[in-house]
């Protein structure tokens, strides 16, 4: 897995370099999708998340860059969304997005 991740990271089109675009599902996925990024994410910087969201060419993409200070919450980090700390903030935001008819 680590070697594959490295290989992808060295290519401008990341994992798409190893697959036909149609084989990934990105081009055929047509449901709404919420795409989130956070500042100081060393695994998925904002530009990489923008690129990834753009691969869903047939989906309605709701793209959000979450700024902790603006949301009055602590720094989020790459895996932070899943931390209990964000139960009353980010979890609620995501749940509301899921429950809203698109």
PDB file of N, CA and C in Angstrom:
ATOM      1  N   UNK A   1       0.816  -1.158   0.000  1.00  0.00           N
ATOM      2  CA  UNK A   1       0.000   0.000   0.000  1.00  0.00           C
ATOM      3  C   UNK A   1       0.876   1.243   0.000  1.00  0.00           C
ATOM      4  N   UNK A   2       1.902   1.258   0.814  1.00  0.00           N
ATOM      5  CA  UNK A   2       2.774   2.431   0.888  1.00  0.00           C
ATOM      6  C   UNK A   2       3.460   2.692  -0.453  1.00  0.00           C
ATOM      7  N   UNK A   3       3.872   1.634  -1.122  1.00  0.00           N
ATOM      8  CA  UNK A   3       4.515   1.808  -2.440  1.00  0.00           C
ATOM      9  C   UNK A   3       3.514   2.337  -3.464  1.00  0.00           C
ATOM     10  N   UNK A   4       2.302   1.848  -3.409  1.00  0.00           N
ATOM     11  CA  UNK A   4       1.278   2.324  -4.331  1.00  0.00           C
ATOM     12  C   UNK A   4       0.970   3.796  -4.069  1.00  0.00           C
ATOM     13  N   UNK A   5       0.819   4.169  -2.813  1.00  0.00           N
ATOM     14  CA  UNK A   5       0.537   5.562  -2.438  1.00  0.00           C
ATOM     15  C   UNK A   5       1.674   6.463  -2.929  1.00  0.00           C
ATOM     16  N   UNK A   6       2.911   6.016  -2.762  1.00  0.00           N
ATOM     17  CA  UNK A   6       4.073   6.776  -3.241  1.00  0.00           C
ATOM     18  C   UNK A   6       4.013   6.944  -4.759  1.00  0.00           C
ATOM     19  N   UNK A   7       3.721   5.852  -5.454  1.00  0.00           N
ATOM     20  CA  UNK A   7       3.636   5.884  -6.915  1.00  0.00           C
ATOM     21  C   UNK A   7       2.582   6.906  -7.353  1.00  0.00           C
ATOM     22  N   UNK A   8       1.419   6.865  -6.717  1.00  0.00           N
ATOM     23  CA  UNK A   8       0.357   7.809  -7.044  1.00  0.00           C
ATOM     24  C   UNK A   8       0.810   9.239  -6.775  1.00  0.00           C
ATOM     25  N   UNK A   9       1.458   9.443  -5.631  1.00  0.00           N
ATOM     26  CA  UNK A   9       1.884  10.788  -5.236  1.00  0.00           C
ATOM     27  C   UNK A   9       2.895  11.416  -6.177  1.00  0.00           C
ATOM     28  N   UNK A  10       3.601  10.605  -6.925  1.00  0.00           N
ATOM     29  CA  UNK A  10       4.596  11.122  -7.863  1.00  0.00           C
ATOM     30  C   UNK A  10       3.992  11.495  -9.220  1.00  0.00           C
ATOM     31  N   UNK A  11       2.726  11.199  -9.418  1.00  0.00           N
ATOM     32  CA  UNK A  11       2.073  11.461 -10.699  1.00  0.00           C
ATOM     33  C   UNK A  11       1.137  12.664 -10.585  1.00  0.00           C
ATOM     34  N   UNK A  12       1.105  13.520 -11.608  1.00  0.00           N
ATOM     35  CA  UNK A  12       0.217  14.682 -11.555  1.00  0.00           C
ATOM     36  C   UNK A  12      -1.268  14.307 -11.493  1.00  0.00           C
ATOM     37  N   UNK A  13      -1.621  13.160 -12.038  1.00  0.00           N
ATOM     38  CA  UNK A  13      -3.023  12.739 -11.979  1.00  0.00           C
ATOM     39  C   UNK A  13      -3.251  11.650 -10.919  1.00  0.00           C
ATOM     40  N   UNK A  14      -2.351  11.620  -9.932  1.00  0.00           N
ATOM     41  CA  UNK A  14      -2.465  10.775  -8.743  1.00  0.00           C
ATOM     42  C   UNK A  14      -2.855   9.350  -9.113  1.00  0.00           C
ATOM     43  N   UNK A  15      -3.900   8.798  -8.493  1.00  0.00           N
ATOM     44  CA  UNK A  15      -4.248   7.399  -8.727  1.00  0.00           C
ATOM     45  C   UNK A  15      -4.808   7.156 -10.117  1.00  0.00           C
ATOM     46  N   UNK A  16      -5.278   8.193 -10.778  1.00  0.00           N
ATOM     47  CA  UNK A  16      -5.817   8.023 -12.124  1.00  0.00           C
ATOM     48  C   UNK A  16      -4.733   7.612 -13.109  1.00  0.00           C
ATOM     49  N   UNK A  17      -3.472   7.774 -12.723  1.00  0.00           N
ATOM     50  CA  UNK A  17      -2.367   7.366 -13.585  1.00  0.00           C
ATOM     51  C   UNK A  17      -2.329   5.857 -13.792  1.00  0.00           C
ATOM     52  N   UNK A  18      -2.941   5.103 -12.883  1.00  0.00           N
ATOM     53  CA  UNK A  18      -2.910   3.645 -12.973  1.00  0.00           C
ATOM     54  C   UNK A  18      -4.203   3.037 -13.493  1.00  0.00           C
ATOM     55  N   UNK A  19      -5.214   3.837 -13.668  1.00  0.00           N
ATOM     56  CA  UNK A  19      -6.516   3.328 -14.076  1.00  0.00           C
ATOM     57  C   UNK A  19      -7.077   4.172 -15.213  1.00  0.00           C
ATOM     58  N   UNK A  20      -7.879   3.564 -16.042  1.00  0.00           N
ATOM     59  CA  UNK A  20      -8.636   4.347 -17.012  1.00  0.00           C
ATOM     60  C   UNK A  20      -9.642   5.168 -16.212  1.00  0.00           C
ATOM     61  N   UNK A  21      -9.837   6.414 -16.565  1.00  0.00           N
ATOM     62  CA  UNK A  21     -10.715   7.300 -15.791  1.00  0.00           C
ATOM     63  C   UNK A  21     -12.082   6.671 -15.564  1.00  0.00           C
ATOM     64  N   UNK A  22     -12.627   5.999 -16.558  1.00  0.00           N
ATOM     65  CA  UNK A  22     -13.942   5.372 -16.415  1.00  0.00           C
ATOM     66  C   UNK A  22     -13.932   4.223 -15.412  1.00  0.00           C
ATOM     67  N   UNK A  23     -12.791   3.573 -15.234  1.00  0.00           N
ATOM     68  CA  UNK A  23     -12.685   2.450 -14.308  1.00  0.00           C
ATOM     69  C   UNK A  23     -12.688   2.879 -12.844  1.00  0.00           C
ATOM     70  N   UNK A  24     -12.432   4.139 -12.569  1.00  0.00           N
ATOM     71  CA  UNK A  24     -12.367   4.603 -11.187  1.00  0.00           C
ATOM     72  C   UNK A  24     -13.735   4.901 -10.611  1.00  0.00           C
ATOM     73  N   UNK A  25     -14.712   5.154 -11.455  1.00  0.00           N
ATOM     74  CA  UNK A  25     -16.037   5.522 -10.980  1.00  0.00           C
ATOM     75  C   UNK A  25     -16.227   7.024 -10.866  1.00  0.00           C
ATOM     76  N   UNK A  26     -15.141   7.786 -10.913  1.00  0.00           N
ATOM     77  CA  UNK A  26     -15.262   9.237 -10.799  1.00  0.00           C
ATOM     78  C   UNK A  26     -16.139   9.808 -11.911  1.00  0.00           C
ATOM     79  N   UNK A  27     -15.927   9.358 -13.127  1.00  0.00           N
ATOM     80  CA  UNK A  27     -16.644   9.950 -14.261  1.00  0.00           C
ATOM     81  C   UNK A  27     -18.090   9.473 -14.358  1.00  0.00           C
ATOM     82  N   UNK A  28     -18.434   8.376 -13.698  1.00  0.00           N
ATOM     83  CA  UNK A  28     -19.802   7.865 -13.791  1.00  0.00           C
ATOM     84  C   UNK A  28     -20.635   8.155 -12.540  1.00  0.00           C
ATOM     85  N   UNK A  29     -19.996   8.557 -11.461  1.00  0.00           N
ATOM     86  CA  UNK A  29     -20.733   8.863 -10.227  1.00  0.00           C
ATOM     87  C   UNK A  29     -21.589  10.104 -10.464  1.00  0.00           C
ATOM     88  N   UNK A  30     -22.883  10.018 -10.166  1.00  0.00           N
ATOM     89  CA  UNK A  30     -23.778  11.130 -10.482  1.00  0.00           C
ATOM     90  C   UNK A  30     -24.638  11.589  -9.314  1.00  0.00           C
ATOM     91  N   UNK A  31     -24.323  11.170  -8.126  1.00  0.00           N
ATOM     92  CA  UNK A  31     -25.058  11.608  -6.932  1.00  0.00           C
ATOM     93  C   UNK A  31     -24.383  12.853  -6.351  1.00  0.00           C
ATOM     94  N   UNK A  32     -25.095  13.621  -5.523  1.00  0.00           N
ATOM     95  CA  UNK A  32     -24.453  14.763  -4.850  1.00  0.00           C
ATOM     96  C   UNK A  32     -23.321  14.275  -3.948  1.00  0.00           C
ATOM     97  N   UNK A  33     -22.301  15.095  -3.833  1.00  0.00           N
ATOM     98  CA  UNK A  33     -21.149  14.738  -3.001  1.00  0.00           C
ATOM     99  C   UNK A  33     -20.649  15.986  -2.265  1.00  0.00           C
ATOM    100  N   UNK A  34     -20.309  15.805  -1.007  1.00  0.00           N
ATOM    101  CA  UNK A  34     -19.746  16.871  -0.190  1.00  0.00           C
ATOM    102  C   UNK A  34     -18.244  16.657  -0.138  1.00  0.00           C
ATOM    103  N   UNK A  35     -17.482  17.639  -0.586  1.00  0.00           N
ATOM    104  CA  UNK A  35     -16.024  17.549  -0.633  1.00  0.00           C
ATOM    105  C   UNK A  35     -15.465  18.601   0.327  1.00  0.00           C
ATOM    106  N   UNK A  36     -14.742  18.132   1.351  1.00  0.00           N
ATOM    107  CA  UNK A  36     -14.237  19.013   2.401  1.00  0.00           C
ATOM    108  C   UNK A  36     -12.718  19.048   2.420  1.00  0.00           C
ATOM    109  N   UNK A  37     -12.184  20.216   2.756  1.00  0.00           N
ATOM    110  CA  UNK A  37     -10.752  20.334   3.023  1.00  0.00           C
ATOM    111  C   UNK A  37     -10.575  21.244   4.224  1.00  0.00           C
ATOM    112  N   UNK A  38      -9.392  21.163   4.807  1.00  0.00           N
ATOM    113  CA  UNK A  38      -9.071  21.982   5.984  1.00  0.00           C
ATOM    114  C   UNK A  38      -7.668  22.564   5.826  1.00  0.00           C
ATOM    115  N   UNK A  39      -7.403  23.691   6.462  1.00  0.00           N
ATOM    116  CA  UNK A  39      -6.056  24.256   6.390  1.00  0.00           C
ATOM    117  C   UNK A  39      -5.020  23.333   7.035  1.00  0.00           C
ATOM    118  N   UNK A  40      -3.811  23.457   6.589  1.00  0.00           N
ATOM    119  CA  UNK A  40      -2.664  22.737   7.163  1.00  0.00           C
ATOM    120  C   UNK A  40      -2.794  21.224   7.104  1.00  0.00           C
ATOM    121  N   UNK A  41      -3.479  20.725   6.086  1.00  0.00           N
ATOM    122  CA  UNK A  41      -3.615  19.285   5.918  1.00  0.00           C
ATOM    123  C   UNK A  41      -2.473  18.818   5.020  1.00  0.00           C
ATOM    124  N   UNK A  42      -1.506  18.133   5.608  1.00  0.00           N
ATOM    125  CA  UNK A  42      -0.334  17.693   4.853  1.00  0.00           C
ATOM    126  C   UNK A  42      -0.635  16.500   3.956  1.00  0.00           C
ATOM    127  N   UNK A  43      -1.709  15.778   4.238  1.00  0.00           N
ATOM    128  CA  UNK A  43      -2.078  14.633   3.410  1.00  0.00           C
ATOM    129  C   UNK A  43      -2.913  15.058   2.204  1.00  0.00           C
ATOM    130  N   UNK A  44      -3.782  16.038   2.416  1.00  0.00           N
ATOM    131  CA  UNK A  44      -4.703  16.463   1.354  1.00  0.00           C
ATOM    132  C   UNK A  44      -4.828  17.981   1.370  1.00  0.00           C
ATOM    133  N   UNK A  45      -3.852  18.681   0.797  1.00  0.00           N
ATOM    134  CA  UNK A  45      -3.938  20.141   0.760  1.00  0.00           C
ATOM    135  C   UNK A  45      -5.131  20.600  -0.089  1.00  0.00           C
ATOM    136  N   UNK A  46      -5.531  21.831   0.109  1.00  0.00           N
ATOM    137  CA  UNK A  46      -6.713  22.372  -0.558  1.00  0.00           C
ATOM    138  C   UNK A  46      -6.680  22.152  -2.073  1.00  0.00           C
ATOM    139  N   UNK A  47      -5.544  22.389  -2.699  1.00  0.00           N
ATOM    140  CA  UNK A  47      -5.463  22.231  -4.154  1.00  0.00           C
ATOM    141  C   UNK A  47      -5.681  20.772  -4.570  1.00  0.00           C
ATOM    142  N   UNK A  48      -5.208  19.828  -3.780  1.00  0.00           N
ATOM    143  CA  UNK A  48      -5.409  18.410  -4.093  1.00  0.00           C
ATOM    144  C   UNK A  48      -6.877  18.023  -3.942  1.00  0.00           C
ATOM    145  N   UNK A  49      -7.525  18.570  -2.928  1.00  0.00           N
ATOM    146  CA  UNK A  49      -8.945  18.279  -2.722  1.00  0.00           C
ATOM    147  C   UNK A  49      -9.774  18.921  -3.832  1.00  0.00           C
ATOM    148  N   UNK A  50      -9.384  20.130  -4.261  1.00  0.00           N
ATOM    149  CA  UNK A  50     -10.056  20.760  -5.406  1.00  0.00           C
ATOM    150  C   UNK A  50      -9.965  19.844  -6.623  1.00  0.00           C
ATOM    151  N   UNK A  51      -8.761  19.364  -6.900  1.00  0.00           N
ATOM    152  CA  UNK A  51      -8.537  18.480  -8.043  1.00  0.00           C
ATOM    153  C   UNK A  51      -9.403  17.225  -7.940  1.00  0.00           C
ATOM    154  N   UNK A  52      -9.413  16.614  -6.753  1.00  0.00           N
ATOM    155  CA  UNK A  52     -10.187  15.401  -6.566  1.00  0.00           C
ATOM    156  C   UNK A  52     -11.671  15.654  -6.820  1.00  0.00           C
ATOM    157  N   UNK A  53     -12.199  16.745  -6.273  1.00  0.00           N
ATOM    158  CA  UNK A  53     -13.605  17.077  -6.494  1.00  0.00           C
ATOM    159  C   UNK A  53     -13.920  17.281  -7.963  1.00  0.00           C
ATOM    160  N   UNK A  54     -12.984  17.829  -8.705  1.00  0.00           N
ATOM    161  CA  UNK A  54     -13.181  18.074 -10.134  1.00  0.00           C
ATOM    162  C   UNK A  54     -13.245  16.785 -10.950  1.00  0.00           C
ATOM    163  N   UNK A  55     -12.795  15.685 -10.384  1.00  0.00           N
ATOM    164  CA  UNK A  55     -12.833  14.409 -11.102  1.00  0.00           C
ATOM    165  C   UNK A  55     -14.246  13.838 -11.171  1.00  0.00           C
ATOM    166  N   UNK A  56     -15.123  14.312 -10.307  1.00  0.00           N
ATOM    167  CA  UNK A  56     -16.524  13.861 -10.308  1.00  0.00           C
ATOM    168  C   UNK A  56     -17.302  14.706 -11.313  1.00  0.00           C
ATOM    169  N   UNK A  57     -17.066  14.450 -12.591  1.00  0.00           N
ATOM    170  CA  UNK A  57     -17.570  15.324 -13.654  1.00  0.00           C
ATOM    171  C   UNK A  57     -19.080  15.246 -13.858  1.00  0.00           C
ATOM    172  N   UNK A  58     -19.734  14.226 -13.350  1.00  0.00           N
ATOM    173  CA  UNK A  58     -21.183  14.093 -13.505  1.00  0.00           C
ATOM    174  C   UNK A  58     -21.936  14.217 -12.186  1.00  0.00           C
ATOM    175  N   UNK A  59     -21.264  14.658 -11.161  1.00  0.00           N
ATOM    176  CA  UNK A  59     -21.887  14.784  -9.841  1.00  0.00           C
ATOM    177  C   UNK A  59     -22.086  16.258  -9.495  1.00  0.00           C
ATOM    178  N   UNK A  60     -23.064  16.496  -8.649  1.00  0.00           N
ATOM    179  CA  UNK A  60     -23.239  17.833  -8.077  1.00  0.00           C
ATOM    180  C   UNK A  60     -22.313  17.901  -6.865  1.00  0.00           C
ATOM    181  N   UNK A  61     -21.243  18.677  -6.972  1.00  0.00           N
ATOM    182  CA  UNK A  61     -20.221  18.737  -5.929  1.00  0.00           C
ATOM    183  C   UNK A  61     -20.433  19.970  -5.063  1.00  0.00           C
ATOM    184  N   UNK A  62     -20.602  19.753  -3.767  1.00  0.00           N
ATOM    185  CA  UNK A  62     -20.652  20.844  -2.789  1.00  0.00           C
ATOM    186  C   UNK A  62     -19.259  20.902  -2.178  1.00  0.00           C
ATOM    187  N   UNK A  63     -18.469  21.866  -2.593  1.00  0.00           N
ATOM    188  CA  UNK A  63     -17.058  21.978  -2.201  1.00  0.00           C
ATOM    189  C   UNK A  63     -16.921  23.002  -1.084  1.00  0.00           C
ATOM    190  N   UNK A  64     -16.367  22.593   0.051  1.00  0.00           N
ATOM    191  CA  UNK A  64     -16.190  23.492   1.200  1.00  0.00           C
ATOM    192  C   UNK A  64     -14.783  23.360   1.761  1.00  0.00           C
ATOM    193  N   UNK A  65     -14.170  24.516   2.005  1.00  0.00           N
ATOM    194  CA  UNK A  65     -12.881  24.561   2.700  1.00  0.00           C
ATOM    195  C   UNK A  65     -13.192  25.095   4.093  1.00  0.00           C
ATOM    196  N   UNK A  66     -13.010  24.253   5.104  1.00  0.00           N
ATOM    197  CA  UNK A  66     -13.408  24.594   6.468  1.00  0.00           C
ATOM    198  C   UNK A  66     -12.307  25.363   7.188  1.00  0.00           C
ATOM    199  N   UNK A  67     -12.611  26.560   7.614  1.00  0.00           N
ATOM    200  CA  UNK A  67     -11.668  27.404   8.354  1.00  0.00           C
ATOM    201  C   UNK A  67     -12.061  27.364   9.838  1.00  0.00           C
ATOM    202  N   UNK A  68     -11.261  26.697  10.678  1.00  0.00           N
ATOM    203  CA  UNK A  68     -11.625  26.541  12.084  1.00  0.00           C
ATOM    204  C   UNK A  68     -11.972  27.861  12.784  1.00  0.00           C
ATOM    205  N   UNK A  69     -11.186  28.887  12.574  1.00  0.00           N
ATOM    206  CA  UNK A  69     -11.436  30.164  13.249  1.00  0.00           C
ATOM    207  C   UNK A  69     -12.831  30.705  12.900  1.00  0.00           C
ATOM    208  N   UNK A  70     -13.204  30.592  11.636  1.00  0.00           N
ATOM    209  CA  UNK A  70     -14.518  31.069  11.202  1.00  0.00           C
ATOM    210  C   UNK A  70     -15.653  30.236  11.793  1.00  0.00           C
ATOM    211  N   UNK A  71     -15.381  28.987  12.085  1.00  0.00           N
ATOM    212  CA  UNK A  71     -16.385  28.082  12.642  1.00  0.00           C
ATOM    213  C   UNK A  71     -16.335  28.032  14.168  1.00  0.00           C
ATOM    214  N   UNK A  72     -15.401  28.788  14.756  1.00  0.00           N
ATOM    215  CA  UNK A  72     -15.204  28.826  16.214  1.00  0.00           C
ATOM    216  C   UNK A  72     -14.938  27.433  16.791  1.00  0.00           C
ATOM    217  N   UNK A  73     -14.066  26.705  16.110  1.00  0.00           N
ATOM    218  CA  UNK A  73     -13.682  25.369  16.556  1.00  0.00           C
ATOM    219  C   UNK A  73     -12.155  25.265  16.520  1.00  0.00           C
ATOM    220  N   UNK A  74     -11.595  24.265  17.224  1.00  0.00           N
ATOM    221  CA  UNK A  74     -10.141  24.082  17.173  1.00  0.00           C
ATOM    222  C   UNK A  74      -9.678  23.560  15.819  1.00  0.00           C
ATOM    223  N   UNK A  75      -8.371  23.537  15.606  1.00  0.00           N
ATOM    224  CA  UNK A  75      -7.799  23.010  14.368  1.00  0.00           C
ATOM    225  C   UNK A  75      -8.352  21.608  14.108  1.00  0.00           C
ATOM    226  N   UNK A  76      -8.638  21.326  12.861  1.00  0.00           N
ATOM    227  CA  UNK A  76      -9.306  20.076  12.511  1.00  0.00           C
ATOM    228  C   UNK A  76      -8.308  18.968  12.192  1.00  0.00           C
ATOM    229  N   UNK A  77      -7.362  19.227  11.301  1.00  0.00           N
ATOM    230  CA  UNK A  77      -6.400  18.204  10.902  1.00  0.00           C
ATOM    231  C   UNK A  77      -7.022  17.216   9.921  1.00  0.00           C
ATOM    232  N   UNK A  78      -6.191  16.388   9.322  1.00  0.00           N
ATOM    233  CA  UNK A  78      -6.635  15.486   8.268  1.00  0.00           C
ATOM    234  C   UNK A  78      -7.723  14.512   8.728  1.00  0.00           C
ATOM    235  N   UNK A  79      -7.569  13.908   9.887  1.00  0.00           N
ATOM    236  CA  UNK A  79      -8.532  12.929  10.387  1.00  0.00           C
ATOM    237  C   UNK A  79      -9.466  13.515  11.441  1.00  0.00           C
ATOM    238  N   UNK A  80      -9.351  14.802  11.692  1.00  0.00           N
ATOM    239  CA  UNK A  80     -10.070  15.443  12.789  1.00  0.00           C
ATOM    240  C   UNK A  80     -11.580  15.371  12.722  1.00  0.00           C
ATOM    241  N   UNK A  81     -12.126  15.388  11.539  1.00  0.00           N
ATOM    242  CA  UNK A  81     -13.579  15.363  11.398  1.00  0.00           C
ATOM    243  C   UNK A  81     -14.190  14.220  12.200  1.00  0.00           C
ATOM    244  N   UNK A  82     -13.468  13.133  12.363  1.00  0.00           N
ATOM    245  CA  UNK A  82     -13.998  11.947  13.024  1.00  0.00           C
ATOM    246  C   UNK A  82     -13.792  11.955  14.546  1.00  0.00           C
ATOM    247  N   UNK A  83     -13.206  13.012  15.064  1.00  0.00           N
ATOM    248  CA  UNK A  83     -12.959  13.091  16.507  1.00  0.00           C
ATOM    249  C   UNK A  83     -14.200  13.573  17.256  1.00  0.00           C
ATOM    250  N   UNK A  84     -14.387  13.036  18.436  1.00  0.00           N
ATOM    251  CA  UNK A  84     -15.515  13.387  19.310  1.00  0.00           C
ATOM    252  C   UNK A  84     -15.616  14.903  19.522  1.00  0.00           C
ATOM    253  N   UNK A  85     -14.487  15.588  19.490  1.00  0.00           N
ATOM    254  CA  UNK A  85     -14.441  17.046  19.671  1.00  0.00           C
ATOM    255  C   UNK A  85     -15.428  17.761  18.749  1.00  0.00           C
ATOM    256  N   UNK A  86     -15.681  17.179  17.586  1.00  0.00           N
ATOM    257  CA  UNK A  86     -16.505  17.852  16.586  1.00  0.00           C
ATOM    258  C   UNK A  86     -17.930  17.300  16.493  1.00  0.00           C
ATOM    259  N   UNK A  87     -18.330  16.560  17.519  1.00  0.00           N
ATOM    260  CA  UNK A  87     -19.684  15.982  17.551  1.00  0.00           C
ATOM    261  C   UNK A  87     -20.758  17.060  17.388  1.00  0.00           C
ATOM    262  N   UNK A  88     -20.602  18.179  18.062  1.00  0.00           N
ATOM    263  CA  UNK A  88     -21.627  19.227  18.049  1.00  0.00           C
ATOM    264  C   UNK A  88     -21.413  20.276  16.958  1.00  0.00           C
ATOM    265  N   UNK A  89     -20.391  20.124  16.167  1.00  0.00           N
ATOM    266  CA  UNK A  89     -20.140  21.120  15.114  1.00  0.00           C
ATOM    267  C   UNK A  89     -20.068  20.457  13.739  1.00  0.00           C
ATOM    268  N   UNK A  90     -18.944  19.868  13.416  1.00  0.00           N
ATOM    269  CA  UNK A  90     -18.764  19.295  12.084  1.00  0.00           C
ATOM    270  C   UNK A  90     -19.674  18.098  11.833  1.00  0.00           C
ATOM    271  N   UNK A  91     -19.876  17.279  12.858  1.00  0.00           N
ATOM    272  CA  UNK A  91     -20.763  16.133  12.676  1.00  0.00           C
ATOM    273  C   UNK A  91     -22.172  16.609  12.335  1.00  0.00           C
ATOM    274  N   UNK A  92     -22.598  17.664  13.016  1.00  0.00           N
ATOM    275  CA  UNK A  92     -23.930  18.221  12.760  1.00  0.00           C
ATOM    276  C   UNK A  92     -23.997  18.775  11.337  1.00  0.00           C
ATOM    277  N   UNK A  93     -22.959  19.496  10.922  1.00  0.00           N
ATOM    278  CA  UNK A  93     -22.918  20.054   9.569  1.00  0.00           C
ATOM    279  C   UNK A  93     -23.036  18.947   8.522  1.00  0.00           C
ATOM    280  N   UNK A  94     -22.269  17.883   8.682  1.00  0.00           N
ATOM    281  CA  UNK A  94     -22.293  16.781   7.721  1.00  0.00           C
ATOM    282  C   UNK A  94     -23.647  16.070   7.770  1.00  0.00           C
ATOM    283  N   UNK A  95     -24.183  15.836   8.953  1.00  0.00           N
ATOM    284  CA  UNK A  95     -25.492  15.177   9.082  1.00  0.00           C
ATOM    285  C   UNK A  95     -26.579  16.005   8.404  1.00  0.00           C
ATOM    286  N   UNK A  96     -26.531  17.313   8.585  1.00  0.00           N
ATOM    287  CA  UNK A  96     -27.516  18.184   7.931  1.00  0.00           C
ATOM    288  C   UNK A  96     -27.373  18.106   6.414  1.00  0.00           C
ATOM    289  N   UNK A  97     -26.142  18.052   5.930  1.00  0.00           N
ATOM    290  CA  UNK A  97     -25.933  17.941   4.482  1.00  0.00           C
ATOM    291  C   UNK A  97     -26.530  16.623   3.969  1.00  0.00           C
ATOM    292  N   UNK A  98     -26.280  15.543   4.686  1.00  0.00           N
ATOM    293  CA  UNK A  98     -26.793  14.235   4.274  1.00  0.00           C
ATOM    294  C   UNK A  98     -28.324  14.213   4.275  1.00  0.00           C
ATOM    295  N   UNK A  99     -28.923  14.827   5.289  1.00  0.00           N
ATOM    296  CA  UNK A  99     -30.374  14.794   5.438  1.00  0.00           C
ATOM    297  C   UNK A  99     -31.111  15.768   4.527  1.00  0.00           C
ATOM    298  N   UNK A 100     -30.413  16.732   3.951  1.00  0.00           N
ATOM    299  CA  UNK A 100     -31.051  17.707   3.069  1.00  0.00           C
ATOM    300  C   UNK A 100     -31.235  17.094   1.690  1.00  0.00           C
ATOM    301  N   UNK A 101     -32.479  17.093   1.206  1.00  0.00           N
ATOM    302  CA  UNK A 101     -32.690  16.550  -0.145  1.00  0.00           C
ATOM    303  C   UNK A 101     -31.900  17.357  -1.183  1.00  0.00           C
ATOM    304  N   UNK A 102     -31.210  16.674  -2.055  1.00  0.00           N
ATOM    305  CA  UNK A 102     -30.427  17.349  -3.094  1.00  0.00           C
ATOM    306  C   UNK A 102     -31.064  17.147  -4.444  1.00  0.00           C
TER     307      UNK A 102
END
